[in-house]
Protein backbone atom coordinates (compact mmCIF):
# COMPACT_ATOMS: atom_id res chain seq x y z
CA MET A 1 -0.08 0.12 0.10
CA THR A 2 2.82 2.42 0.54
CA ALA A 3 4.68 1.73 -2.72
CA LEU A 4 0.59 2.13 -4.36
CA LEU A 5 0.15 5.42 -2.87
CA ALA A 6 3.46 6.82 -3.58
CA VAL A 7 3.82 5.93 -6.96
CA ARG A 8 0.26 7.00 -7.70
CA ALA A 9 1.11 10.11 -5.89
CA GLY A 10 3.94 11.12 -8.15
CA ALA A 11 2.46 9.63 -11.21
CA PRO A 12 1.99 12.45 -14.20
CA PRO A 13 -1.87 12.89 -15.05
CA ALA A 14 -3.11 11.29 -18.32
CA VAL A 15 -2.95 13.13 -21.30
CA PRO A 16 -5.83 14.05 -23.05
CA GLY A 17 -6.26 12.57 -26.19
CA LEU A 18 -4.46 9.59 -25.94
CA SER A 19 -6.10 6.37 -24.87
CA GLY A 20 -3.02 5.62 -22.00
CA GLU A 21 -2.77 2.13 -20.40
CA GLY A 22 -5.77 2.89 -18.35
CA ALA A 23 -6.47 2.53 -14.60
CA VAL A 24 -5.82 -1.40 -14.08
CA THR A 25 -2.36 -0.88 -15.58
CA ARG A 26 -1.61 2.89 -12.88
CA TRP A 27 -2.90 0.65 -10.27
CA GLY A 28 -2.37 -2.77 -11.00
CA LEU A 29 1.79 -2.44 -11.82
CA PRO A 30 2.60 -1.29 -8.65
CA LEU A 31 0.35 -4.02 -6.51
CA ALA A 32 1.80 -6.87 -8.82
CA LYS A 33 5.37 -5.71 -8.59
CA THR A 34 5.39 -5.89 -4.69
CA ALA A 35 3.66 -9.02 -4.61
CA MET A 36 6.43 -10.42 -6.45
CA ASP A 37 8.94 -8.67 -4.48
CA GLY A 38 6.95 -10.03 -1.00
CA ALA A 39 6.97 -13.39 -2.75
CA GLY A 40 10.71 -13.53 -3.56
CA VAL A 41 11.36 -12.54 0.45
CA VAL A 42 8.94 -14.97 1.38
CA THR A 43 10.86 -17.37 -0.93
CA VAL A 44 14.50 -16.22 -0.02
CA GLY A 45 13.54 -16.70 4.35
CA ALA A 46 12.16 -20.12 3.84
CA ALA A 47 15.30 -21.39 2.19
CA LEU A 48 17.21 -19.57 4.13
CA MET A 49 15.34 -20.85 7.14
CA ALA A 50 15.67 -24.67 5.91
CA VAL A 51 19.63 -24.80 4.92
CA VAL A 52 21.17 -22.01 7.04
CA LEU A 53 19.14 -21.36 10.46
CA LEU A 54 17.57 -24.64 11.64
CA PRO A 55 19.91 -27.28 12.99
CA GLY A 56 20.32 -30.88 10.33
CA ALA A 57 21.84 -33.70 10.53
CA ASP A 58 24.52 -34.94 8.83
CA GLY A 59 23.83 -33.25 5.22
CA ARG A 60 19.40 -34.14 6.11
CA LEU A 61 17.14 -31.68 6.43
CA GLY A 62 15.37 -32.33 9.82
CA GLU A 63 11.75 -32.52 9.97
CA ALA A 64 11.02 -28.63 10.57
CA ALA A 65 13.19 -27.75 7.71
CA ARG A 66 11.77 -30.07 5.06
CA ALA A 67 8.45 -28.06 6.20
CA TRP A 68 10.14 -24.73 5.42
CA THR A 69 10.91 -26.08 2.09
CA THR A 70 7.52 -26.34 1.64
CA VAL A 71 6.77 -23.22 1.76
CA ALA A 72 9.52 -21.73 -0.42
CA SER A 73 8.26 -24.34 -2.78
CA ARG A 74 4.77 -22.26 -2.75
CA ALA A 75 5.92 -19.07 -2.06
CA ALA A 76 8.33 -19.35 -5.51
CA LEU A 77 5.33 -20.91 -7.71
CA ALA A 78 3.75 -17.38 -6.42
CA TRP A 79 6.52 -15.77 -7.25
CA ALA A 80 7.00 -16.62 -10.68
CA VAL A 81 2.87 -15.82 -11.33
CA ALA A 82 3.63 -12.50 -9.87
CA ALA A 83 6.34 -12.07 -12.21
CA VAL A 84 4.18 -12.77 -15.08
CA VAL A 85 1.60 -10.45 -13.93
CA THR A 86 4.23 -7.64 -13.59
CA LEU A 87 5.38 -8.38 -17.35
CA VAL A 88 2.30 -7.91 -18.69
CA PHE A 89 1.30 -4.41 -16.53
CA ARG A 90 4.65 -3.40 -17.26
CA ALA A 91 4.18 -3.82 -21.21
CA SER A 92 0.97 -2.18 -21.08
CA SER A 93 2.30 0.78 -19.28
CA VAL A 94 5.04 0.64 -22.18
CA PHE A 95 3.37 0.11 -25.09
CA GLY A 96 0.47 2.99 -23.76
CA VAL A 97 -2.41 0.48 -24.33
CA PRO A 98 -4.86 -1.35 -21.93
CA VAL A 99 -3.60 -4.85 -20.91
CA THR A 100 -6.75 -6.61 -22.65
CA ASP A 101 -4.93 -5.20 -26.39
CA VAL A 102 -1.54 -6.41 -24.88
CA LEU A 103 -2.67 -10.10 -24.94
CA GLY A 104 -4.66 -9.51 -27.61
CA GLY A 105 -3.97 -7.91 -30.91
CA ARG A 106 -0.11 -7.14 -29.71
CA PHE A 107 1.05 -10.48 -28.18
CA GLY A 108 3.88 -10.75 -30.94
CA GLU A 109 5.24 -7.43 -29.40
CA PHE A 110 4.48 -8.73 -26.07
CA VAL A 111 6.97 -11.69 -26.78
CA ASP A 112 9.56 -9.41 -28.23
CA PHE A 113 9.34 -7.00 -24.98
CA ALA A 114 10.19 -10.04 -22.82
CA SER A 115 12.50 -11.43 -24.76
CA GLY A 116 14.64 -8.58 -25.77
CA ASN A 117 13.66 -5.09 -23.67
CA ALA A 118 15.18 -4.15 -20.88
CA PRO A 119 12.02 -3.54 -19.02
CA GLY A 120 10.54 -6.77 -20.19
CA LEU A 121 13.27 -8.96 -19.46
CA GLY A 122 13.86 -8.60 -15.93
CA PRO A 123 10.37 -10.02 -15.02
CA ALA A 124 10.79 -12.49 -17.60
CA VAL A 125 13.93 -14.07 -16.14
CA VAL A 126 12.24 -13.99 -12.62
CA ALA A 127 9.77 -15.88 -13.67
CA VAL A 128 12.05 -18.48 -15.20
CA LEU A 129 13.98 -18.58 -12.18
CA SER A 130 11.40 -18.83 -9.76
CA ALA A 131 9.52 -21.38 -11.37
CA ALA A 132 13.19 -23.07 -11.01
CA ALA A 133 13.56 -22.33 -7.32
CA SER A 134 10.22 -24.09 -7.00
CA MET A 135 11.02 -27.54 -8.19
CA LEU A 136 14.03 -27.38 -6.62
CA ALA A 137 12.49 -26.74 -3.54
CA ARG A 138 9.70 -29.47 -3.57
CA GLY A 139 10.65 -32.18 -1.78
CA ALA A 140 14.16 -31.02 -1.07
CA ALA A 141 15.32 -33.57 1.95
CA THR A 142 19.49 -32.58 1.26
CA ALA A 143 20.97 -29.52 2.47
CA GLY A 144 22.82 -29.35 -0.75
CA ARG A 145 19.60 -28.98 -2.54
CA GLY A 146 18.44 -26.77 -0.21
CA ALA A 147 21.55 -24.87 -0.73
CA TRP A 148 21.01 -24.69 -4.56
CA THR A 149 17.44 -23.84 -4.14
CA LEU A 150 18.68 -20.29 -1.72
CA ALA A 151 21.53 -19.62 -4.36
CA VAL A 152 18.79 -19.62 -7.34
CA ALA A 153 16.14 -18.01 -5.40
CA SER A 154 18.89 -15.27 -4.32
CA ALA A 155 19.85 -15.11 -8.15
CA ALA A 156 16.13 -14.23 -9.20
CA LEU A 157 16.03 -11.00 -7.36
CA LEU A 158 18.47 -9.53 -9.17
CA PRO A 159 17.50 -9.37 -13.03
CA PRO A 160 14.79 -6.44 -12.03
CA ALA A 161 17.38 -4.55 -10.31
CA LEU A 162 20.08 -4.70 -12.76
CA THR A 163 17.59 -3.85 -15.47
CA GLY A 164 16.14 -0.42 -13.50
CA HIS A 165 17.99 2.90 -12.69
CA SER A 166 20.98 1.26 -11.93
CA ALA A 167 21.71 0.62 -15.67
CA SER A 168 20.73 3.76 -17.24
CA SER A 169 23.33 5.45 -14.59
CA PRO A 170 26.45 7.03 -16.26
CA ASP A 171 28.22 5.09 -14.17
CA HIS A 172 26.43 1.98 -14.56
CA ASP A 173 28.91 -0.44 -13.17
CA LEU A 174 28.98 1.30 -9.63
CA ALA A 175 25.15 1.41 -9.92
CA SER A 176 24.06 -2.21 -10.47
CA THR A 177 26.92 -3.74 -7.97
CA ALA A 178 25.20 -0.96 -5.56
CA VAL A 179 21.53 -2.04 -6.58
CA ALA A 180 22.18 -6.09 -6.55
CA VAL A 181 24.00 -5.81 -2.95
CA HIS A 182 20.90 -3.80 -2.22
CA VAL A 183 18.50 -6.30 -3.32
CA VAL A 184 19.79 -9.15 -1.94
CA ALA A 185 20.65 -8.18 1.67
CA PRO A 186 17.09 -7.35 2.33
CA ALA A 187 15.34 -10.19 1.30
CA LEU A 188 17.74 -12.41 3.40
CA TRP A 189 17.07 -9.96 6.33
CA VAL A 190 13.25 -9.59 5.99
CA GLY A 191 12.99 -13.25 4.65
CA GLY A 192 15.07 -14.51 7.25
CA LEU A 193 13.19 -12.43 10.28
CA LEU A 194 9.63 -13.63 8.77
CA ALA A 195 10.85 -17.07 9.04
CA VAL A 196 12.09 -16.66 12.53
CA CYS A 197 9.04 -15.16 13.87
CA VAL A 198 6.65 -17.61 12.50
CA HIS A 199 8.80 -20.53 13.62
CA ALA A 200 8.77 -19.02 17.45
CA LEU A 201 5.53 -17.91 17.29
CA ARG A 202 4.56 -21.25 16.75
CA ARG A 203 6.94 -22.57 19.74
CA ARG A 204 8.92 -24.97 17.62
CA PRO A 205 12.32 -26.78 19.09
CA ASP A 206 15.70 -25.09 18.04
CA ALA A 207 13.29 -21.49 17.53
CA ASP A 208 16.38 -20.05 19.98
CA VAL A 209 19.24 -21.56 17.82
CA ALA A 210 17.78 -20.18 14.19
CA ALA A 211 17.44 -16.84 16.28
CA GLY A 212 20.65 -16.42 17.41
CA ARG A 213 22.19 -17.55 14.05
CA PHE A 214 19.70 -15.01 12.63
CA SER A 215 20.61 -12.22 14.71
CA ARG A 216 24.50 -12.62 13.29
CA MET A 217 23.50 -12.47 9.94
CA ALA A 218 21.37 -9.45 10.05
CA LEU A 219 24.05 -7.44 11.62
CA TRP A 220 25.92 -8.65 8.50
CA CYS A 221 23.17 -7.60 6.19
CA TYR A 222 22.41 -4.16 7.93
CA LEU A 223 26.20 -3.19 7.56
CA VAL A 224 26.29 -4.29 3.75
CA LEU A 225 22.70 -2.73 3.21
CA ALA A 226 24.07 0.75 5.05
CA VAL A 227 27.16 0.93 2.19
CA ALA A 228 25.01 -0.19 -0.59
CA GLY A 229 22.92 1.88 -0.35
CA VAL A 230 25.27 5.34 0.00
CA ALA A 231 26.67 3.91 -2.81
CA ALA A 232 23.14 3.57 -5.13
CA ALA A 233 22.78 6.83 -3.98
CA VAL A 234 26.09 8.77 -5.19
CA SER A 235 25.34 6.55 -8.47
CA ARG A 236 22.11 8.18 -9.00
CA LEU A 237 22.02 11.53 -7.54
CA PRO A 238 24.15 14.47 -9.33
CA SER A 239 24.66 16.36 -6.02
CA PRO A 240 23.95 16.00 -2.64
CA ALA A 241 20.76 18.81 -3.11
CA ASP A 242 19.05 16.49 -5.04
CA LEU A 243 18.35 14.55 -1.80
CA VAL A 244 15.58 17.45 -0.79
CA ALA A 245 15.05 18.92 -4.44
CA GLY A 246 12.74 15.98 -5.78
CA PRO A 247 10.67 13.04 -5.19
CA TYR A 248 13.13 10.29 -5.42
CA GLY A 249 15.88 12.27 -3.06
CA MET A 250 13.12 12.29 -0.49
CA LEU A 251 12.41 8.73 -0.66
CA ILE A 252 15.94 7.83 -0.50
CA LEU A 253 15.61 9.81 3.12
CA VAL A 254 12.90 8.28 4.01
CA LYS A 255 14.81 5.04 3.72
CA CYS A 256 17.51 6.33 5.53
CA VAL A 257 15.34 7.29 8.65
CA LEU A 258 13.83 4.12 8.18
CA LEU A 259 17.27 1.79 8.25
CA SER A 260 18.37 4.04 11.55
CA VAL A 261 15.02 2.59 12.87
CA LEU A 262 15.72 -1.08 12.16
CA GLY A 263 19.28 -0.72 13.61
CA LEU A 264 17.76 0.36 17.15
CA ILE A 265 15.19 -2.74 16.98
CA GLY A 266 18.51 -4.70 15.98
CA HIS A 267 20.26 -3.26 19.18
CA ARG A 268 17.04 -4.55 21.18
CA HIS A 269 16.85 -7.98 19.96
CA ARG A 270 20.40 -8.42 20.63
CA THR A 271 20.41 -6.97 24.22
CA SER A 272 17.16 -7.86 25.28
CA THR A 273 14.49 -10.44 23.31
CA LEU A 274 17.25 -12.95 22.30
CA PRO A 275 18.03 -13.79 26.36
CA ARG A 276 14.57 -14.10 26.65
CA LEU A 277 13.69 -16.16 23.94
CA ARG A 278 16.73 -18.61 24.90
CA ALA A 279 15.13 -18.98 28.44
CA GLY A 280 11.71 -20.07 26.69
CA ASN A 281 9.91 -16.78 26.51
CA PRO A 282 9.65 -15.93 22.95
CA GLY A 283 7.05 -13.32 23.62
CA ALA A 284 9.09 -10.18 23.42
CA PHE A 285 10.86 -11.42 20.91
CA VAL A 286 7.90 -12.33 18.45
CA ARG A 287 6.23 -8.64 19.47
CA LEU A 288 9.39 -6.81 18.74
CA ALA A 289 9.91 -9.06 15.24
CA VAL A 290 6.46 -8.21 14.40
CA GLY A 291 6.99 -4.51 14.90
CA GLU A 292 10.44 -4.52 13.03
CA LEU A 293 8.10 -6.63 10.03
CA THR A 294 6.39 -3.86 9.77
CA VAL A 295 9.07 -0.92 9.33
CA MET A 296 10.71 -3.57 6.83
CA GLY A 297 7.44 -3.92 4.77
CA VAL A 298 7.02 0.15 4.98
CA ALA A 299 10.77 0.07 3.98
CA ILE A 300 10.22 -2.61 0.91
CA GLY A 301 7.41 -0.26 -0.23
CA VAL A 302 9.48 2.92 -0.24
CA ALA A 303 12.00 0.91 -2.32
CA VAL A 304 9.43 -0.14 -4.84
CA ALA A 305 7.95 3.63 -5.06
CA LEU A 306 11.60 3.90 -5.69
CA SER A 307 12.22 2.18 -8.51
CA GLU A 308 9.12 3.49 -10.03
CA THR A 309 10.49 7.49 -9.32
CA PRO A 310 12.59 8.62 -12.54
CA PRO A 311 15.53 9.98 -10.76
CA PRO A 312 17.09 13.43 -11.15
CA GLU A 313 18.32 14.04 -14.80
CA THR A 314 22.24 13.41 -15.51
CA PRO A 315 22.97 15.04 -18.55
CA LEU A 316 24.68 11.72 -20.86
CA PRO A 317 27.91 12.30 -22.32
CA ALA A 318 27.68 12.52 -26.14
CA ASP A 319 30.42 10.10 -26.70
CA PRO A 320 28.90 6.71 -27.29
CA LEU A 321 31.78 4.65 -25.73
CA THR A 322 31.92 6.62 -22.68
CA ARG A 323 28.08 6.08 -22.24
CA ALA A 324 29.46 2.17 -23.07
CA VAL A 325 32.09 1.83 -20.22
CA GLY A 326 30.02 4.72 -17.58
CA PHE A 327 33.44 6.90 -17.38
CA PRO A 328 35.26 9.15 -20.03
CA VAL A 329 37.49 7.67 -22.09
CA PRO A 330 40.94 7.69 -20.86
CA PRO A 331 43.69 9.69 -23.01
CA PRO A 332 46.19 7.34 -24.95
CA ILE A 333 48.11 5.16 -22.23
CA THR A 334 51.20 6.01 -20.38
CA VAL A 335 52.93 4.34 -17.30
CA VAL A 336 51.79 7.34 -15.13
CA ASP A 337 48.10 7.48 -16.04
CA VAL A 338 48.28 3.22 -15.31
CA ALA A 339 49.82 4.20 -12.14
CA LEU A 340 47.60 7.13 -11.24
CA ARG A 341 43.77 6.69 -13.02
CA TRP A 342 42.10 4.79 -10.10
CA ARG A 343 38.19 4.20 -10.70
CA LEU A 344 36.19 1.93 -8.11
CA ASP A 345 35.12 -0.97 -9.37
CA LEU A 346 32.85 -1.86 -6.47
CA ALA A 347 32.29 -5.61 -6.64
CA MET A 348 35.58 -6.14 -6.96
CA CYS A 349 36.52 -3.82 -3.80
CA LEU A 350 33.96 -5.73 -1.79
CA ILE A 351 35.31 -8.97 -2.65
CA ALA A 352 39.27 -8.07 -1.99
CA ALA A 353 38.03 -6.39 1.54
CA VAL A 354 35.71 -9.92 1.97
CA PHE A 355 38.90 -12.06 1.20
CA ALA A 356 41.00 -9.51 3.68
CA GLY A 357 39.00 -9.52 6.56
CA LEU A 358 37.67 -13.16 6.98
CA TYR A 359 41.71 -14.13 6.76
CA ALA A 360 42.53 -11.47 9.34
CA ALA A 361 39.95 -12.89 11.45
CA GLY A 362 40.97 -16.46 11.47
CA VAL A 363 44.90 -15.06 12.22
CA LEU A 364 42.99 -13.43 15.12
CA ARG A 365 41.21 -16.00 16.29
CA LEU A 366 44.25 -18.85 16.18
CA ARG A 367 46.42 -16.11 17.88
CA ARG A 368 43.39 -16.23 20.75
CA ASP A 369 43.78 -19.74 20.99
CA GLY A 370 47.79 -19.82 21.30
CA VAL A 371 48.35 -21.30 17.85
CA ARG A 372 51.03 -19.65 15.38
CA TRP A 373 50.46 -18.98 12.05
CA PRO A 374 53.39 -18.84 9.28
CA VAL A 375 53.93 -14.76 9.05
CA ARG A 376 55.14 -15.84 5.19
CA ARG A 377 51.33 -17.28 4.19
CA THR A 378 50.06 -13.83 5.95
CA LEU A 379 52.04 -11.77 3.90
CA ALA A 380 51.58 -14.28 1.06
CA TRP A 381 47.58 -13.44 1.50
CA CYS A 382 47.64 -9.62 1.88
CA ALA A 383 50.20 -9.36 -1.43
CA GLY A 384 47.76 -11.34 -3.06
CA VAL A 385 44.81 -9.12 -1.86
CA LEU A 386 46.96 -6.12 -2.71
CA LEU A 387 47.69 -7.02 -6.16
CA LEU A 388 43.60 -8.20 -6.39
CA VAL A 389 43.13 -4.38 -5.67
CA VAL A 390 45.43 -2.81 -7.84
CA VAL A 391 44.83 -5.14 -10.82
CA THR A 392 40.65 -3.89 -10.34
CA GLN A 393 40.96 -0.52 -9.05
CA SER A 394 44.03 1.06 -11.08
CA GLY A 395 44.46 2.69 -14.37
CA LEU A 396 44.97 -1.33 -15.72
CA ALA A 397 41.16 -1.93 -14.95
CA LYS A 398 40.38 1.47 -16.47
CA TYR A 399 42.20 0.98 -19.91
CA ALA A 400 40.94 -2.68 -19.66
CA ARG A 401 37.34 -1.43 -20.44
CA VAL A 402 38.44 0.27 -23.67
CA MET A 403 41.89 -1.37 -24.91
CA PHE A 404 41.59 -5.51 -25.85
CA SER A 405 45.38 -5.78 -25.17
CA MET A 406 44.91 -4.31 -21.72
CA HIS A 407 41.87 -6.22 -20.85
CA LEU A 408 43.87 -9.44 -21.58
CA LEU A 409 46.75 -8.35 -19.62
CA GLN A 410 44.29 -7.78 -16.69
CA ASN A 411 42.78 -11.20 -16.91
CA MET A 412 46.61 -12.97 -17.24
CA ALA A 413 47.00 -11.45 -14.20
CA LEU A 414 43.98 -12.20 -12.64
CA ALA A 415 44.52 -15.96 -13.36
CA GLY A 416 48.32 -16.17 -12.87
CA PRO A 417 49.90 -13.83 -9.66
CA VAL A 418 46.63 -13.09 -7.82
CA PRO A 419 45.72 -16.85 -7.14
CA LEU A 420 49.17 -18.11 -6.92
CA LEU A 421 49.45 -15.61 -3.97
CA LEU A 422 46.16 -15.77 -2.57
CA LEU A 423 46.91 -19.52 -2.38
CA LEU A 424 50.08 -19.47 -0.72
CA GLY A 425 48.34 -18.20 1.65
CA SER A 426 46.69 -21.40 2.81
CA PRO A 427 43.17 -19.65 3.18
CA LEU A 428 41.51 -23.43 3.23
CA THR A 429 43.71 -24.82 5.75
CA LEU A 430 43.63 -21.34 7.98
CA ALA A 431 39.60 -22.14 7.73
CA ARG A 432 39.68 -25.35 8.98
CA ARG A 433 42.15 -24.96 12.20
CA ALA A 434 39.88 -21.44 12.86
CA LEU A 435 36.40 -22.47 12.62
CA ARG A 436 34.79 -23.82 15.10
CA PRO A 437 32.99 -27.24 14.79
CA ALA A 438 29.34 -27.13 14.72
CA ALA A 439 27.72 -26.45 18.44
CA ILE A 440 25.02 -29.40 17.65
CA PRO A 441 26.59 -32.58 16.75
CA GLY A 442 25.35 -33.42 13.19
CA ASP A 443 24.80 -30.18 12.25
CA ARG A 444 26.36 -28.27 9.70
CA GLY A 445 28.33 -24.97 10.86
CA PRO A 446 30.62 -22.85 8.60
CA ARG A 447 33.30 -25.74 8.89
CA GLU A 448 31.31 -28.13 7.53
CA TRP A 449 29.57 -26.36 5.02
CA LEU A 450 33.70 -25.80 3.94
CA ALA A 451 34.33 -29.48 4.39
CA ALA A 452 31.28 -30.36 2.61
CA LEU A 453 31.98 -27.82 -0.58
CA SER A 454 35.93 -28.82 -0.67
CA GLY A 455 35.30 -32.35 -0.21
CA SER A 456 32.34 -32.60 -2.86
CA ARG A 457 32.69 -34.60 -5.76
CA ALA A 458 32.31 -31.80 -8.25
CA ALA A 459 35.17 -30.23 -6.56
CA ARG A 460 37.16 -33.45 -6.70
CA PHE A 461 36.07 -34.24 -9.95
CA SER A 462 37.37 -30.59 -11.40
CA ALA A 463 40.55 -30.53 -9.67
CA LEU A 464 41.56 -33.36 -11.57
CA PRO A 465 44.41 -32.16 -14.28
CA PRO A 466 42.56 -33.13 -17.26
CA VAL A 467 39.12 -31.81 -16.28
CA ALA A 468 40.99 -28.50 -15.11
CA ALA A 469 42.74 -28.17 -18.64
CA VAL A 470 39.69 -28.26 -20.39
CA ILE A 471 37.74 -26.17 -18.40
CA SER A 472 41.10 -23.92 -18.84
CA ILE A 473 40.66 -24.23 -22.87
CA ALA A 474 36.93 -23.21 -22.68
CA ALA A 475 37.18 -20.09 -20.60
CA VAL A 476 40.70 -19.02 -22.36
CA TYR A 477 39.08 -19.62 -25.67
CA ALA A 478 35.00 -19.09 -25.59
CA PRO A 479 34.76 -15.69 -24.42
CA TYR A 480 36.81 -14.50 -27.78
CA THR A 481 35.38 -16.39 -30.36
CA THR A 482 31.61 -16.24 -29.42
CA PRO A 483 29.44 -13.28 -28.71
CA LEU A 484 30.20 -14.05 -25.10
CA TYR A 485 33.12 -10.82 -24.70
CA GLU A 486 30.75 -8.57 -26.51
CA THR A 487 27.63 -9.51 -24.50
CA ALA A 488 29.83 -9.05 -21.45
CA MET A 489 30.86 -5.87 -22.05
CA GLU A 490 27.67 -4.15 -22.59
CA ILE A 491 25.69 -5.54 -19.53
CA PRO A 492 26.02 -4.20 -15.99
CA LEU A 493 28.69 -6.31 -13.85
CA GLY A 494 29.43 -8.20 -16.90
CA HIS A 495 33.42 -7.15 -17.07
CA SER A 496 33.31 -7.77 -13.04
CA ALA A 497 31.77 -11.33 -13.87
CA MET A 498 34.48 -11.86 -15.89
CA SER A 499 37.23 -10.85 -13.75
CA LEU A 500 36.03 -13.11 -11.02
CA GLY A 501 35.78 -15.61 -13.64
CA TYR A 502 39.36 -15.58 -14.68
CA LEU A 503 40.44 -15.55 -10.54
CA ALA A 504 38.05 -18.57 -9.96
CA LEU A 505 39.85 -20.20 -13.27
CA GLY A 506 43.36 -19.34 -11.54
CA CYS A 507 42.25 -20.49 -8.28
CA LEU A 508 41.43 -23.93 -10.23
CA CYS A 509 44.55 -24.23 -12.11
CA LEU A 510 47.10 -23.32 -9.85
CA ASN A 511 45.56 -25.31 -6.65
CA GLY A 512 45.74 -28.29 -8.79
CA LEU A 513 49.10 -27.46 -9.49
CA LEU A 514 50.20 -26.75 -5.31
CA GLY A 515 47.59 -29.03 -3.99
CA SER A 516 48.43 -32.76 -2.17
CA ARG A 517 45.92 -34.01 -4.94
CA ALA A 518 48.02 -32.76 -7.39
CA ALA A 519 51.48 -33.71 -5.87
CA ARG A 520 49.92 -37.47 -5.91
CA ALA A 521 48.77 -37.36 -9.88
CA GLY A 522 52.78 -36.42 -10.60
CA HIS A 523 54.73 -33.68 -11.81
CA THR A 524 53.70 -33.47 -15.55
CA SER A 525 50.13 -33.54 -14.99
CA ARG A 526 50.41 -30.83 -12.51
CA ARG A 527 51.75 -28.82 -15.44
CA THR A 528 48.98 -29.40 -17.70
CA PRO A 529 45.81 -27.06 -16.62
CA TYR A 530 48.63 -23.93 -15.96
CA SER A 531 50.65 -24.94 -18.71
CA VAL A 532 47.37 -24.65 -20.65
CA ILE A 533 46.75 -20.99 -19.63
CA GLN A 534 50.21 -19.89 -20.34
CA LYS A 535 49.82 -21.23 -23.93
CA SER A 536 46.55 -19.87 -25.04
CA ASN A 537 47.47 -16.39 -23.23
CA SER A 538 50.58 -16.39 -25.38
CA MET A 539 48.53 -17.15 -28.52
CA SER A 540 45.88 -14.52 -27.27
CA ARG A 541 48.91 -11.69 -27.35
CA SER A 542 49.90 -12.65 -30.65
CA ARG A 543 46.43 -12.37 -31.80
CA THR A 544 46.16 -9.05 -30.42
CA ALA A 545 49.53 -8.07 -31.83
CA ARG A 546 48.09 -8.50 -35.11
CA ALA A 547 45.08 -6.73 -33.85
CA PRO A 548 44.23 -3.02 -34.39
CA GLN A 549 43.79 -1.76 -30.83
CA GLY A 550 40.64 -0.10 -30.18
CA PRO A 551 37.68 -0.18 -27.56
CA PRO A 552 36.49 -3.37 -26.36
CA THR A 553 33.23 -3.05 -27.36
CA SER A 554 34.22 -2.43 -30.79
């Protein structure tokens, strides 16, 4: 209702003489979008409750967790239906015709709108992914299948955000990263709290365990949400004065107030209601949680209204390449420019910050336990994180967006020296020593999840040198022999996703070179995957030397 009133209040009046989309679409679109967002939150929260918050037993979901997967399956199905309805209303709004015309004489245009147009592609992808999440959650009995449900449901939250205002922002990479984080974090927070509240209200067992786990996760969601919100506002508002100069800025201020209120409520939970819940008195927790959910509902409504409100107009640059990459094209390359022309890649910066923070936390925990951790490993990890920042944030990354040769050089660094230094820091060994076993026997905490993932059949199979070699060949050649490269340069976060992919590729191959499994496989087979990368990059460099220099998007 908040979203509906806010959007309708800012909606322009109908122009006389034009048929328009009609009152059904004007009122139905925000309602359908709110229903789509609400169903997505419920799906993510139910999957989170089943997989993460409730204890399991030896990789199997308990009875209560399986009940939550049923909730996730039904909510995901409703999510898919709401996405289709949103798609129809969106087409009606864009075409300027009633819904009956969209589904009647203009159905062919509607299909094209859903498959190739940004406003229509988002809800269409949501419908497909949410339907997949519904099928995954149906009858899920293992933690692995539940984890896949949570991953697919989280991915289904992203398309509308990445095809909205952020995609048309002048700095669309920063805006898209901020909005992506700004969508997933609230869904985990709101959906998780709703599930915990219902679980506690029914006085189900393990409610205190679920609430304690959720409290720790919610704090991180709150911090990430605040940082991403600031980044999203900076990318969309030309100046701070725009916060009070129009409806878009005023809605941002309302969200800031609501976020502050939620922070105070969270502090009250941690200091008062959670201890009472552990003592067997869930009443105080449920009452405060209901109030928190009410504030969150208002915040979600404001977010929906914000997504439907045009941001302040920012003059777009005349240069098409500047519009494509999201920043002014730098001058001809020099060593000084590479060293000094830094530009924030928020996605890779957040990844580097997480790497540094988790490793530091592990080392500090070992030190508190009186366990020595080799300094050389810490230095190697720090050097790897620092090199990751330089490769993805410095002038090298900036020129990589407009010069194919620098793009290849960046990928070589991400697939070679960066993962080598990171692996020399032995992060998995540190995690195994620093993480505590699950407090409940048979349950899966972070340590058990790490062991399950690193020891899974997929991980063992991909670590085999021949398999890693095939993956290396495909990853090196596929982007440049197919339209994948051009597509990645055109979509939001495409370049960051490619950078992350090459970093993962380097870790996979070098882990086979340095790890114990590869040591048992023999020296020749150990060298196979990384030799493929080296030879492939050499061939790419020779091709680049013969090719004319120019922007990647050309």
